[in-house]
Amino acid sequence: MAKKGLKKGLFITFEGPEGCGKSTHSRLICGYLRGLGYDCVHTREPGGTKLGERIRGVLLHSDGVAISDLAELFLFEAARSQIVKEVITPALSKGKIVVCDRFSDATFSYQGYGGGVSLAVIKALDKIATESLKPNLTILLDIDPVTGLRRARQKGIDRMEEKTLTYHRRVRSGYLKLAAAEPQRIKVIKVAASISETQRMVRREVEDVIQRYKRAK
């Protein structure tokens, strides 16, 4: 199949509370886009680079190590700065579609709304780390925190999943506030009972943004 090119890269991110299925659906949509002939790069946050994966290990699996919400913020932003410089920006400059499992919205929701770190502080640091890069489309997979945590914890419990239900409810509320503020970019999809049904809705949003993106060019 001939490759379908874009004059400029397209940046798509997946967000949501724990257990929403964003990792699964971000991989599925990337495979779907490759099947259509697009050059698609799949990556994740924190992670996606050697440095990012080291930081991910510290953030998610540091038993007995105290990490404050502010310290979390600095670690996430350090990983983000590296992935933007090393992976995302180079791929976009080559006209590729980049699909990322979490990005800046996660920091506003988790460390901001969840952890209580100043949103103004997060905005300032994130602007530096991302070099003002924003996704063209963000898929927010919405799920009740009780259900989401039950799903996530079936695979083992990491540092973020250990946090209280109240914390995770604040995270979800934060995500929905972000979506309400940017409805053109952030598309909320209620997680369906089946993966195939949720993925169908994801594909509809992604296909729509690709078509709009092409018309705009």
N, C-alpha and C. Protein backbone atom coordinates (compact mmCIF):
# COMPACT_ATOMS: atom_id res chain seq x y z
N MET A 1 0.84 -1.20 0.00
CA MET A 1 0.00 0.00 0.00
C MET A 1 0.87 1.25 0.00
N ALA A 2 0.55 2.20 -0.87
CA ALA A 2 1.31 3.44 -0.94
C ALA A 2 1.09 4.26 0.34
N LYS A 3 2.15 4.92 0.77
CA LYS A 3 2.06 5.76 1.95
C LYS A 3 1.24 7.02 1.67
N LYS A 4 0.38 7.36 2.61
CA LYS A 4 -0.37 8.60 2.51
C LYS A 4 0.38 9.67 3.28
N GLY A 5 0.73 10.72 2.60
CA GLY A 5 1.52 11.76 3.24
C GLY A 5 0.68 12.95 3.68
N LEU A 6 1.17 13.64 4.69
CA LEU A 6 0.58 14.89 5.13
C LEU A 6 1.66 15.96 4.98
N LYS A 7 1.26 17.16 4.57
CA LYS A 7 2.23 18.23 4.40
C LYS A 7 2.87 18.60 5.74
N LYS A 8 2.09 18.44 6.79
CA LYS A 8 2.59 18.73 8.13
C LYS A 8 2.06 17.66 9.07
N GLY A 9 2.87 17.28 10.04
CA GLY A 9 2.47 16.21 10.93
C GLY A 9 1.21 16.51 11.73
N LEU A 10 0.59 15.45 12.23
CA LEU A 10 -0.64 15.54 13.02
C LEU A 10 -0.37 14.90 14.37
N PHE A 11 -0.71 15.60 15.44
CA PHE A 11 -0.42 15.14 16.79
C PHE A 11 -1.71 14.79 17.51
N ILE A 12 -1.85 13.52 17.88
CA ILE A 12 -3.06 13.01 18.55
C ILE A 12 -2.66 12.42 19.90
N THR A 13 -3.37 12.81 20.95
CA THR A 13 -3.08 12.27 22.27
C THR A 13 -4.30 11.57 22.85
N PHE A 14 -4.02 10.63 23.75
CA PHE A 14 -5.07 9.90 24.46
C PHE A 14 -4.93 10.17 25.95
N GLU A 15 -6.05 10.49 26.58
CA GLU A 15 -6.06 10.81 28.00
C GLU A 15 -7.22 10.09 28.69
N GLY A 16 -7.18 10.12 30.02
CA GLY A 16 -8.27 9.56 30.78
C GLY A 16 -7.83 9.05 32.13
N PRO A 17 -8.80 8.79 33.01
CA PRO A 17 -8.48 8.25 34.33
C PRO A 17 -7.89 6.85 34.22
N GLU A 18 -7.40 6.34 35.34
CA GLU A 18 -6.83 4.99 35.37
C GLU A 18 -7.87 3.98 34.88
N GLY A 19 -7.40 3.01 34.09
CA GLY A 19 -8.27 1.92 33.64
C GLY A 19 -9.20 2.27 32.51
N CYS A 20 -9.01 3.42 31.87
CA CYS A 20 -9.92 3.82 30.80
C CYS A 20 -9.63 3.12 29.47
N GLY A 21 -8.45 2.54 29.33
CA GLY A 21 -8.11 1.83 28.10
C GLY A 21 -7.36 2.66 27.08
N LYS A 22 -6.80 3.78 27.52
CA LYS A 22 -6.12 4.66 26.57
C LYS A 22 -4.92 3.99 25.89
N SER A 23 -4.18 3.17 26.61
CA SER A 23 -3.02 2.49 26.01
C SER A 23 -3.48 1.54 24.91
N THR A 24 -4.54 0.79 25.20
CA THR A 24 -5.09 -0.14 24.21
C THR A 24 -5.59 0.61 22.98
N HIS A 25 -6.37 1.66 23.19
CA HIS A 25 -6.97 2.35 22.05
C HIS A 25 -5.98 3.20 21.28
N SER A 26 -4.96 3.72 21.94
CA SER A 26 -3.94 4.47 21.20
C SER A 26 -3.16 3.53 20.29
N ARG A 27 -2.88 2.33 20.75
CA ARG A 27 -2.19 1.35 19.90
C ARG A 27 -3.09 0.90 18.75
N LEU A 28 -4.36 0.65 19.05
CA LEU A 28 -5.29 0.20 18.02
C LEU A 28 -5.45 1.24 16.92
N ILE A 29 -5.58 2.52 17.30
CA ILE A 29 -5.80 3.54 16.27
C ILE A 29 -4.54 3.73 15.44
N CYS A 30 -3.38 3.57 16.05
CA CYS A 30 -2.13 3.69 15.30
C CYS A 30 -2.03 2.55 14.28
N GLY A 31 -2.40 1.36 14.68
CA GLY A 31 -2.41 0.24 13.75
C GLY A 31 -3.41 0.45 12.63
N TYR A 32 -4.55 1.00 12.97
CA TYR A 32 -5.59 1.29 11.97
C TYR A 32 -5.09 2.31 10.96
N LEU A 33 -4.44 3.36 11.43
CA LEU A 33 -3.93 4.40 10.53
C LEU A 33 -2.82 3.87 9.64
N ARG A 34 -1.98 3.00 10.19
CA ARG A 34 -0.94 2.39 9.36
C ARG A 34 -1.57 1.54 8.26
N GLY A 35 -2.67 0.85 8.61
CA GLY A 35 -3.38 0.05 7.63
C GLY A 35 -3.96 0.89 6.50
N LEU A 36 -4.27 2.15 6.80
CA LEU A 36 -4.79 3.07 5.78
C LEU A 36 -3.67 3.69 4.94
N GLY A 37 -2.43 3.44 5.37
CA GLY A 37 -1.30 3.97 4.61
C GLY A 37 -0.59 5.15 5.22
N TYR A 38 -1.00 5.57 6.41
CA TYR A 38 -0.34 6.70 7.05
C TYR A 38 0.91 6.24 7.82
N ASP A 39 1.88 7.11 7.89
CA ASP A 39 3.07 6.84 8.67
C ASP A 39 2.77 7.31 10.09
N CYS A 40 2.59 6.36 10.98
CA CYS A 40 2.14 6.67 12.34
C CYS A 40 3.16 6.23 13.38
N VAL A 41 3.47 7.12 14.29
CA VAL A 41 4.40 6.83 15.39
C VAL A 41 3.59 6.74 16.68
N HIS A 42 3.76 5.64 17.40
CA HIS A 42 3.09 5.49 18.69
C HIS A 42 4.11 5.63 19.80
N THR A 43 3.79 6.45 20.82
CA THR A 43 4.69 6.62 21.95
C THR A 43 3.86 6.82 23.22
N ARG A 44 4.54 7.01 24.35
CA ARG A 44 3.81 7.15 25.60
C ARG A 44 4.52 8.08 26.55
N GLU A 45 3.74 8.57 27.52
CA GLU A 45 4.25 9.43 28.59
C GLU A 45 3.83 8.89 29.95
N PRO A 46 4.69 8.97 30.96
CA PRO A 46 6.11 9.24 30.78
C PRO A 46 6.76 8.04 30.10
N GLY A 47 7.78 8.30 29.33
CA GLY A 47 8.45 7.23 28.60
C GLY A 47 8.78 7.68 27.20
N GLY A 48 8.89 6.73 26.30
CA GLY A 48 9.11 7.05 24.90
C GLY A 48 10.55 7.34 24.52
N THR A 49 11.42 7.57 25.51
CA THR A 49 12.85 7.78 25.30
C THR A 49 13.57 7.03 26.42
N LYS A 50 14.88 6.89 26.29
CA LYS A 50 15.63 6.21 27.35
C LYS A 50 15.49 6.94 28.68
N LEU A 51 15.61 8.27 28.61
CA LEU A 51 15.44 9.06 29.83
C LEU A 51 14.02 8.95 30.37
N GLY A 52 13.05 9.06 29.47
CA GLY A 52 11.66 9.01 29.88
C GLY A 52 11.28 7.69 30.54
N GLU A 53 11.82 6.59 30.03
CA GLU A 53 11.52 5.29 30.62
C GLU A 53 12.14 5.15 32.00
N ARG A 54 13.33 5.75 32.19
CA ARG A 54 13.93 5.74 33.53
C ARG A 54 13.07 6.53 34.52
N ILE A 55 12.61 7.68 34.06
CA ILE A 55 11.75 8.52 34.91
C ILE A 55 10.43 7.80 35.20
N ARG A 56 9.91 7.10 34.21
CA ARG A 56 8.66 6.34 34.39
C ARG A 56 8.82 5.33 35.53
N GLY A 57 9.97 4.66 35.54
CA GLY A 57 10.22 3.68 36.59
C GLY A 57 10.21 4.32 37.97
N VAL A 58 10.80 5.50 38.07
CA VAL A 58 10.83 6.21 39.35
C VAL A 58 9.42 6.62 39.77
N LEU A 59 8.65 7.15 38.84
CA LEU A 59 7.32 7.66 39.14
C LEU A 59 6.32 6.57 39.51
N LEU A 60 6.41 5.44 38.84
CA LEU A 60 5.38 4.41 39.02
C LEU A 60 5.78 3.29 39.97
N HIS A 61 7.07 3.07 40.14
CA HIS A 61 7.49 1.89 40.93
C HIS A 61 8.63 2.22 41.88
N SER A 62 8.42 3.23 42.72
CA SER A 62 9.43 3.60 43.71
C SER A 62 8.91 3.31 45.10
N ASP A 63 8.87 2.05 45.45
CA ASP A 63 8.37 1.65 46.77
C ASP A 63 9.24 2.26 47.87
N GLY A 64 8.57 2.89 48.81
CA GLY A 64 9.28 3.45 49.95
C GLY A 64 9.95 4.79 49.69
N VAL A 65 9.79 5.32 48.49
CA VAL A 65 10.39 6.62 48.15
C VAL A 65 9.27 7.66 48.10
N ALA A 66 9.37 8.69 48.95
CA ALA A 66 8.36 9.75 48.96
C ALA A 66 8.58 10.69 47.79
N ILE A 67 7.50 10.93 47.01
CA ILE A 67 7.56 11.87 45.89
C ILE A 67 6.37 12.81 46.03
N SER A 68 6.63 14.07 46.27
CA SER A 68 5.55 15.03 46.43
C SER A 68 4.89 15.34 45.09
N ASP A 69 3.73 15.98 45.14
CA ASP A 69 3.03 16.35 43.91
C ASP A 69 3.87 17.31 43.08
N LEU A 70 4.58 18.22 43.74
CA LEU A 70 5.44 19.15 43.01
C LEU A 70 6.63 18.43 42.39
N ALA A 71 7.20 17.48 43.13
CA ALA A 71 8.31 16.69 42.58
C ALA A 71 7.83 15.87 41.38
N GLU A 72 6.61 15.31 41.48
CA GLU A 72 6.02 14.60 40.35
C GLU A 72 5.96 15.50 39.12
N LEU A 73 5.52 16.72 39.35
CA LEU A 73 5.40 17.68 38.24
C LEU A 73 6.74 17.85 37.52
N PHE A 74 7.81 18.08 38.29
CA PHE A 74 9.12 18.29 37.67
C PHE A 74 9.58 17.05 36.90
N LEU A 75 9.32 15.87 37.46
CA LEU A 75 9.72 14.64 36.79
C LEU A 75 8.95 14.43 35.48
N PHE A 76 7.64 14.64 35.54
CA PHE A 76 6.85 14.50 34.32
C PHE A 76 7.28 15.49 33.25
N GLU A 77 7.54 16.72 33.65
CA GLU A 77 7.93 17.74 32.67
C GLU A 77 9.32 17.45 32.09
N ALA A 78 10.22 16.88 32.89
CA ALA A 78 11.53 16.51 32.37
C ALA A 78 11.39 15.42 31.30
N ALA A 79 10.57 14.42 31.58
CA ALA A 79 10.33 13.36 30.60
C ALA A 79 9.67 13.93 29.35
N ARG A 80 8.75 14.87 29.55
CA ARG A 80 8.03 15.47 28.42
C ARG A 80 8.96 16.29 27.53
N SER A 81 9.82 17.05 28.14
CA SER A 81 10.78 17.84 27.37
C SER A 81 11.62 16.95 26.46
N GLN A 82 12.04 15.81 26.99
CA GLN A 82 12.89 14.90 26.22
C GLN A 82 12.12 14.26 25.06
N ILE A 83 10.89 13.83 25.31
CA ILE A 83 10.14 13.16 24.25
C ILE A 83 9.72 14.14 23.14
N VAL A 84 9.45 15.38 23.52
CA VAL A 84 9.12 16.39 22.51
C VAL A 84 10.32 16.63 21.60
N LYS A 85 11.49 16.78 22.21
CA LYS A 85 12.71 17.07 21.45
C LYS A 85 13.19 15.87 20.64
N GLU A 86 13.10 14.68 21.24
CA GLU A 86 13.71 13.50 20.63
C GLU A 86 12.78 12.72 19.71
N VAL A 87 11.48 12.73 19.99
CA VAL A 87 10.55 11.89 19.24
C VAL A 87 9.46 12.67 18.52
N ILE A 88 8.70 13.47 19.26
CA ILE A 88 7.48 14.05 18.69
C ILE A 88 7.77 15.10 17.62
N THR A 89 8.56 16.10 17.95
CA THR A 89 8.84 17.17 16.99
C THR A 89 9.51 16.66 15.71
N PRO A 90 10.53 15.79 15.80
CA PRO A 90 11.13 15.27 14.57
C PRO A 90 10.14 14.51 13.68
N ALA A 91 9.25 13.72 14.31
CA ALA A 91 8.26 12.97 13.53
C ALA A 91 7.26 13.90 12.86
N LEU A 92 6.80 14.91 13.58
CA LEU A 92 5.85 15.86 13.01
C LEU A 92 6.48 16.63 11.85
N SER A 93 7.75 16.95 11.97
CA SER A 93 8.43 17.71 10.91
C SER A 93 8.54 16.90 9.62
N LYS A 94 8.41 15.57 9.74
CA LYS A 94 8.47 14.69 8.56
C LYS A 94 7.07 14.33 8.05
N GLY A 95 6.04 15.00 8.58
CA GLY A 95 4.68 14.77 8.11
C GLY A 95 4.02 13.51 8.66
N LYS A 96 4.55 12.98 9.75
CA LYS A 96 3.98 11.76 10.33
C LYS A 96 2.84 12.09 11.30
N ILE A 97 2.02 11.08 11.55
CA ILE A 97 1.00 11.20 12.59
C ILE A 97 1.60 10.62 13.87
N VAL A 98 1.61 11.41 14.91
CA VAL A 98 2.13 10.96 16.21
C VAL A 98 0.96 10.71 17.14
N VAL A 99 0.88 9.51 17.68
CA VAL A 99 -0.15 9.15 18.65
C VAL A 99 0.54 8.91 19.98
N CYS A 100 0.18 9.70 20.98
CA CYS A 100 0.85 9.63 22.27
C CYS A 100 -0.13 9.26 23.39
N ASP A 101 0.25 8.26 24.16
CA ASP A 101 -0.52 7.82 25.33
C ASP A 101 -0.16 8.74 26.49
N ARG A 102 -0.97 9.76 26.72
CA ARG A 102 -0.85 10.84 27.69
C ARG A 102 0.09 11.94 27.20
N PHE A 103 -0.24 13.18 27.64
CA PHE A 103 0.60 14.33 27.36
C PHE A 103 0.27 15.39 28.42
N SER A 104 0.30 16.65 28.06
CA SER A 104 0.17 17.73 29.03
C SER A 104 -1.12 17.70 29.84
N ASP A 105 -2.23 17.33 29.22
CA ASP A 105 -3.51 17.32 29.94
C ASP A 105 -3.46 16.43 31.18
N ALA A 106 -2.66 15.37 31.11
CA ALA A 106 -2.54 14.49 32.27
C ALA A 106 -1.92 15.22 33.45
N THR A 107 -0.96 16.08 33.19
CA THR A 107 -0.31 16.81 34.27
C THR A 107 -1.25 17.82 34.92
N PHE A 108 -2.03 18.52 34.10
CA PHE A 108 -3.02 19.44 34.66
C PHE A 108 -4.04 18.68 35.50
N SER A 109 -4.44 17.50 35.04
CA SER A 109 -5.47 16.73 35.75
C SER A 109 -4.94 16.04 36.99
N TYR A 110 -3.78 15.39 36.88
CA TYR A 110 -3.25 14.63 38.01
C TYR A 110 -2.54 15.52 39.03
N GLN A 111 -1.50 16.21 38.62
CA GLN A 111 -0.76 17.01 39.58
C GLN A 111 -1.49 18.32 39.93
N GLY A 112 -2.28 18.83 38.98
CA GLY A 112 -3.04 20.05 39.22
C GLY A 112 -4.33 19.81 39.98
N TYR A 113 -5.35 19.34 39.26
CA TYR A 113 -6.64 19.11 39.91
C TYR A 113 -6.58 18.01 40.96
N GLY A 114 -5.79 16.97 40.70
CA GLY A 114 -5.70 15.88 41.67
C GLY A 114 -4.82 16.22 42.86
N GLY A 115 -3.63 16.74 42.58
CA GLY A 115 -2.65 16.97 43.64
C GLY A 115 -2.63 18.36 44.23
N GLY A 116 -3.30 19.30 43.58
CA GLY A 116 -3.38 20.63 44.14
C GLY A 116 -2.24 21.56 43.79
N VAL A 117 -1.38 21.16 42.86
CA VAL A 117 -0.32 22.07 42.41
C VAL A 117 -0.95 23.20 41.60
N SER A 118 -0.46 24.41 41.75
CA SER A 118 -0.99 25.57 41.04
C SER A 118 -1.05 25.34 39.54
N LEU A 119 -2.22 25.57 38.96
CA LEU A 119 -2.38 25.40 37.51
C LEU A 119 -1.52 26.41 36.76
N ALA A 120 -1.32 27.59 37.35
CA ALA A 120 -0.48 28.60 36.72
C ALA A 120 0.97 28.13 36.65
N VAL A 121 1.43 27.48 37.71
CA VAL A 121 2.79 26.95 37.74
C VAL A 121 2.94 25.85 36.68
N ILE A 122 1.96 24.96 36.62
CA ILE A 122 2.00 23.89 35.63
C ILE A 122 2.01 24.46 34.22
N LYS A 123 1.18 25.46 33.98
CA LYS A 123 1.11 26.07 32.65
C LYS A 123 2.45 26.66 32.24
N ALA A 124 3.10 27.32 33.16
CA ALA A 124 4.39 27.95 32.86
C ALA A 124 5.46 26.91 32.57
N LEU A 125 5.55 25.88 33.41
CA LEU A 125 6.56 24.85 33.21
C LEU A 125 6.28 24.02 31.96
N ASP A 126 5.01 23.73 31.73
CA ASP A 126 4.65 22.90 30.59
C ASP A 126 4.93 23.62 29.26
N LYS A 127 4.74 24.91 29.26
CA LYS A 127 5.02 25.69 28.05
C LYS A 127 6.49 25.59 27.68
N ILE A 128 7.35 25.60 28.69
CA ILE A 128 8.79 25.47 28.45
C ILE A 128 9.11 24.05 27.97
N ALA A 129 8.58 23.05 28.67
CA ALA A 129 8.89 21.66 28.35
C ALA A 129 8.42 21.25 26.96
N THR A 130 7.26 21.75 26.55
CA THR A 130 6.68 21.35 25.26
C THR A 130 7.06 22.29 24.13
N GLU A 131 7.73 23.38 24.45
CA GLU A 131 8.01 24.43 23.46
C GLU A 131 6.70 24.89 22.81
N SER A 132 5.65 24.98 23.66
CA SER A 132 4.30 25.43 23.29
C SER A 132 3.57 24.48 22.34
N LEU A 133 4.06 23.25 22.20
CA LEU A 133 3.39 22.27 21.34
C LEU A 133 2.08 21.80 21.97
N LYS A 134 1.01 21.78 21.18
CA LYS A 134 -0.28 21.27 21.65
C LYS A 134 -0.81 20.24 20.65
N PRO A 135 -1.54 19.25 21.13
CA PRO A 135 -2.11 18.26 20.21
C PRO A 135 -3.16 18.87 19.27
N ASN A 136 -3.28 18.29 18.08
CA ASN A 136 -4.36 18.68 17.18
C ASN A 136 -5.67 18.06 17.62
N LEU A 137 -5.58 16.90 18.26
CA LEU A 137 -6.76 16.20 18.77
C LEU A 137 -6.38 15.44 20.03
N THR A 138 -7.24 15.54 21.03
CA THR A 138 -7.07 14.75 22.25
C THR A 138 -8.33 13.93 22.47
N ILE A 139 -8.17 12.62 22.56
CA ILE A 139 -9.27 11.72 22.87
C ILE A 139 -9.27 11.50 24.37
N LEU A 140 -10.34 11.93 25.03
CA LEU A 140 -10.48 11.74 26.47
C LEU A 140 -11.45 10.58 26.71
N LEU A 141 -10.91 9.44 27.12
CA LEU A 141 -11.72 8.27 27.41
C LEU A 141 -12.22 8.38 28.85
N ASP A 142 -13.50 8.59 28.99
CA ASP A 142 -14.08 8.87 30.31
C ASP A 142 -14.66 7.61 30.94
N ILE A 143 -14.29 7.38 32.19
CA ILE A 143 -14.79 6.22 32.93
C ILE A 143 -14.92 6.59 34.40
N ASP A 144 -15.90 6.00 35.06
CA ASP A 144 -16.05 6.22 36.50
C ASP A 144 -14.80 5.71 37.22
N PRO A 145 -14.24 6.48 38.14
CA PRO A 145 -13.00 6.07 38.81
C PRO A 145 -13.08 4.73 39.54
N VAL A 146 -14.23 4.40 40.10
CA VAL A 146 -14.35 3.11 40.79
C VAL A 146 -14.15 1.97 39.80
N THR A 147 -14.83 2.06 38.66
CA THR A 147 -14.71 1.03 37.63
C THR A 147 -13.31 1.02 37.04
N GLY A 148 -12.79 2.21 36.77
CA GLY A 148 -11.47 2.31 36.16
C GLY A 148 -10.38 1.74 37.05
N LEU A 149 -10.41 2.08 38.33
CA LEU A 149 -9.39 1.57 39.25
C LEU A 149 -9.50 0.05 39.41
N ARG A 150 -10.72 -0.46 39.41
CA ARG A 150 -10.88 -1.91 39.51
C ARG A 150 -10.24 -2.60 38.31
N ARG A 151 -10.44 -2.02 37.12
CA ARG A 151 -9.82 -2.59 35.92
C ARG A 151 -8.30 -2.49 35.98
N ALA A 152 -7.81 -1.30 36.34
CA ALA A 152 -6.36 -1.07 36.34
C ALA A 152 -5.65 -1.97 37.35
N ARG A 153 -6.25 -2.15 38.50
CA ARG A 153 -5.60 -2.90 39.56
C ARG A 153 -5.59 -4.40 39.32
N GLN A 154 -6.31 -4.86 38.32
CA GLN A 154 -6.26 -6.28 37.95
C GLN A 154 -4.90 -6.64 37.37
N LYS A 155 -4.18 -5.62 36.87
CA LYS A 155 -2.86 -5.86 36.26
C LYS A 155 -1.72 -5.54 37.24
N GLY A 156 -2.06 -5.28 38.50
CA GLY A 156 -1.04 -4.86 39.46
C GLY A 156 -1.24 -3.39 39.78
N ILE A 157 -0.68 -2.95 40.89
CA ILE A 157 -0.92 -1.58 41.36
C ILE A 157 0.39 -0.79 41.33
N ASP A 158 0.37 0.36 40.64
CA ASP A 158 1.54 1.23 40.65
C ASP A 158 1.31 2.41 41.60
N ARG A 159 2.26 3.33 41.69
CA ARG A 159 2.17 4.45 42.62
C ARG A 159 0.94 5.32 42.42
N MET A 160 0.60 5.58 41.15
CA MET A 160 -0.53 6.45 40.87
C MET A 160 -1.85 5.76 41.23
N GLU A 161 -1.91 4.48 40.97
CA GLU A 161 -3.14 3.73 41.26
C GLU A 161 -3.36 3.52 42.75
N GLU A 162 -2.29 3.67 43.53
CA GLU A 162 -2.41 3.52 44.99
C GLU A 162 -3.07 4.73 45.64
N LYS A 163 -3.14 5.83 44.93
CA LYS A 163 -3.71 7.05 45.52
C LYS A 163 -5.20 6.87 45.77
N THR A 164 -5.75 7.71 46.64
CA THR A 164 -7.12 7.52 47.11
C THR A 164 -8.16 7.71 46.01
N LEU A 165 -9.33 7.14 46.26
CA LEU A 165 -10.44 7.30 45.33
C LEU A 165 -10.81 8.79 45.20
N THR A 166 -10.75 9.52 46.30
CA THR A 166 -11.04 10.95 46.26
C THR A 166 -10.09 11.68 45.30
N TYR A 167 -8.82 11.32 45.36
CA TYR A 167 -7.83 11.89 44.45
C TYR A 167 -8.22 11.60 43.00
N HIS A 168 -8.56 10.37 42.70
CA HIS A 168 -8.88 9.98 41.33
C HIS A 168 -10.20 10.62 40.85
N ARG A 169 -11.09 10.88 41.77
CA ARG A 169 -12.31 11.60 41.39
C ARG A 169 -11.98 13.04 41.01
N ARG A 170 -11.04 13.64 41.73
CA ARG A 170 -10.61 15.00 41.37
C ARG A 170 -9.93 15.00 40.00
N VAL A 171 -9.17 13.95 39.72
CA VAL A 171 -8.50 13.83 38.42
C VAL A 171 -9.52 13.78 37.29
N ARG A 172 -10.53 12.94 37.46
CA ARG A 172 -11.56 12.84 36.42
C ARG A 172 -12.29 14.17 36.24
N SER A 173 -12.63 14.81 37.35
CA SER A 173 -13.30 16.10 37.28
C SER A 173 -12.43 17.11 36.55
N GLY A 174 -11.13 17.07 36.81
CA GLY A 174 -10.20 17.96 36.13
C GLY A 174 -10.18 17.75 34.64
N TYR A 175 -10.16 16.50 34.24
CA TYR A 175 -10.19 16.19 32.80
C TYR A 175 -11.44 16.77 32.14
N LEU A 176 -12.57 16.60 32.78
CA LEU A 176 -13.82 17.09 32.21
C LEU A 176 -13.85 18.61 32.14
N LYS A 177 -13.22 19.26 33.10
CA LYS A 177 -13.12 20.72 33.06
C LYS A 177 -12.25 21.16 31.88
N LEU A 178 -11.16 20.47 31.65
CA LEU A 178 -10.30 20.78 30.52
C LEU A 178 -11.05 20.60 29.21
N ALA A 179 -11.82 19.52 29.12
CA ALA A 179 -12.59 19.24 27.90
C ALA A 179 -13.64 20.32 27.66
N ALA A 180 -14.28 20.77 28.71
CA ALA A 180 -15.30 21.81 28.58
C ALA A 180 -14.69 23.12 28.10
N ALA A 181 -13.44 23.37 28.48
CA ALA A 181 -12.76 24.60 28.10
C ALA A 181 -12.23 24.56 26.67
N GLU A 182 -11.96 23.34 26.15
CA GLU A 182 -11.43 23.19 24.78
C GLU A 182 -12.17 22.10 24.02
N PRO A 183 -13.45 22.31 23.75
CA PRO A 183 -14.25 21.26 23.10
C PRO A 183 -13.83 20.94 21.66
N GLN A 184 -13.19 21.87 20.99
CA GLN A 184 -12.75 21.62 19.62
C GLN A 184 -11.57 20.65 19.57
N ARG A 185 -10.73 20.70 20.59
CA ARG A 185 -9.56 19.81 20.63
C ARG A 185 -9.81 18.53 21.41
N ILE A 186 -10.45 18.65 22.56
CA ILE A 186 -10.63 17.49 23.43
C ILE A 186 -12.02 16.88 23.21
N LYS A 187 -12.03 15.66 22.72
CA LYS A 187 -13.28 14.96 22.45
C LYS A 187 -13.50 13.88 23.51
N VAL A 188 -14.58 14.01 24.24
CA VAL A 188 -14.88 13.06 25.32
C VAL A 188 -15.63 11.86 24.77
N ILE A 189 -15.10 10.67 25.04
CA ILE A 189 -15.74 9.43 24.62
C ILE A 189 -15.98 8.58 25.87
N LYS A 190 -17.23 8.30 26.14
CA LYS A 190 -17.57 7.43 27.27
C LYS A 190 -17.14 6.00 26.93
N VAL A 191 -16.37 5.39 27.81
CA VAL A 191 -15.88 4.05 27.56
C VAL A 191 -17.06 3.07 27.51
N ALA A 192 -17.17 2.35 26.39
CA ALA A 192 -18.27 1.41 26.20
C ALA A 192 -17.92 0.05 26.81
N ALA A 193 -18.92 -0.83 26.81
CA ALA A 193 -18.72 -2.15 27.39
C ALA A 193 -17.69 -2.97 26.61
N SER A 194 -17.65 -2.77 25.30
CA SER A 194 -16.71 -3.53 24.46
C SER A 194 -15.62 -2.63 23.90
N ILE A 195 -14.45 -3.21 23.72
CA ILE A 195 -13.33 -2.47 23.13
C ILE A 195 -13.67 -2.03 21.72
N SER A 196 -14.34 -2.90 20.96
CA SER A 196 -14.66 -2.59 19.56
C SER A 196 -15.59 -1.38 19.44
N GLU A 197 -16.54 -1.26 20.35
CA GLU A 197 -17.47 -0.13 20.28
C GLU A 197 -16.75 1.18 20.63
N THR A 198 -15.91 1.14 21.65
CA THR A 198 -15.14 2.34 22.00
C THR A 198 -14.21 2.71 20.85
N GLN A 199 -13.55 1.71 20.27
CA GLN A 199 -12.63 1.99 19.17
C GLN A 199 -13.36 2.57 17.96
N ARG A 200 -14.58 2.14 17.72
CA ARG A 200 -15.36 2.69 16.61
C ARG A 200 -15.55 4.19 16.79
N MET A 201 -15.86 4.60 18.02
CA MET A 201 -16.05 6.03 18.29
C MET A 201 -14.72 6.79 18.19
N VAL A 202 -13.63 6.15 18.61
CA VAL A 202 -12.31 6.76 18.49
C VAL A 202 -11.97 7.00 17.03
N ARG A 203 -12.19 5.99 16.19
CA ARG A 203 -11.87 6.11 14.77
C ARG A 203 -12.68 7.23 14.11
N ARG A 204 -13.91 7.38 14.51
CA ARG A 204 -14.74 8.43 13.94
C ARG A 204 -14.14 9.81 14.22
N GLU A 205 -13.69 10.04 15.44
CA GLU A 205 -13.10 11.33 15.79
C GLU A 205 -11.76 11.55 15.07
N VAL A 206 -10.96 10.50 14.98
CA VAL A 206 -9.65 10.62 14.33
C VAL A 206 -9.82 10.86 12.83
N GLU A 207 -10.72 10.13 12.21
CA GLU A 207 -10.96 10.33 10.77
C GLU A 207 -11.48 11.73 10.49
N ASP A 208 -12.30 12.23 11.40
CA ASP A 208 -12.85 13.59 11.23
C ASP A 208 -11.75 14.64 11.29
N VAL A 209 -10.83 14.50 12.25
CA VAL A 209 -9.78 15.51 12.37
C VAL A 209 -8.81 15.43 11.20
N ILE A 210 -8.55 14.23 10.68
CA ILE A 210 -7.68 14.10 9.51
C ILE A 210 -8.29 14.79 8.31
N GLN A 211 -9.58 14.61 8.10
CA GLN A 211 -10.26 15.25 6.97
C GLN A 211 -10.27 16.77 7.13
N ARG A 212 -10.54 17.24 8.34
CA ARG A 212 -10.52 18.69 8.57
C ARG A 212 -9.12 19.26 8.38
N TYR A 213 -8.14 18.50 8.81
CA TYR A 213 -6.74 18.91 8.69
C TYR A 213 -6.34 19.02 7.21
N LYS A 214 -6.78 18.06 6.43
CA LYS A 214 -6.46 18.06 5.00
C LYS A 214 -7.14 19.26 4.30
N ARG A 215 -8.39 19.51 4.65
CA ARG A 215 -9.11 20.63 4.02
C ARG A 215 -8.47 21.96 4.36
N ALA A 216 -7.96 22.05 5.58
CA ALA A 216 -7.35 23.31 6.04
C ALA A 216 -6.05 23.60 5.29
N LYS A 217 -5.43 22.54 4.77
CA LYS A 217 -4.16 22.72 4.05
C LYS A 217 -4.39 23.08 2.59
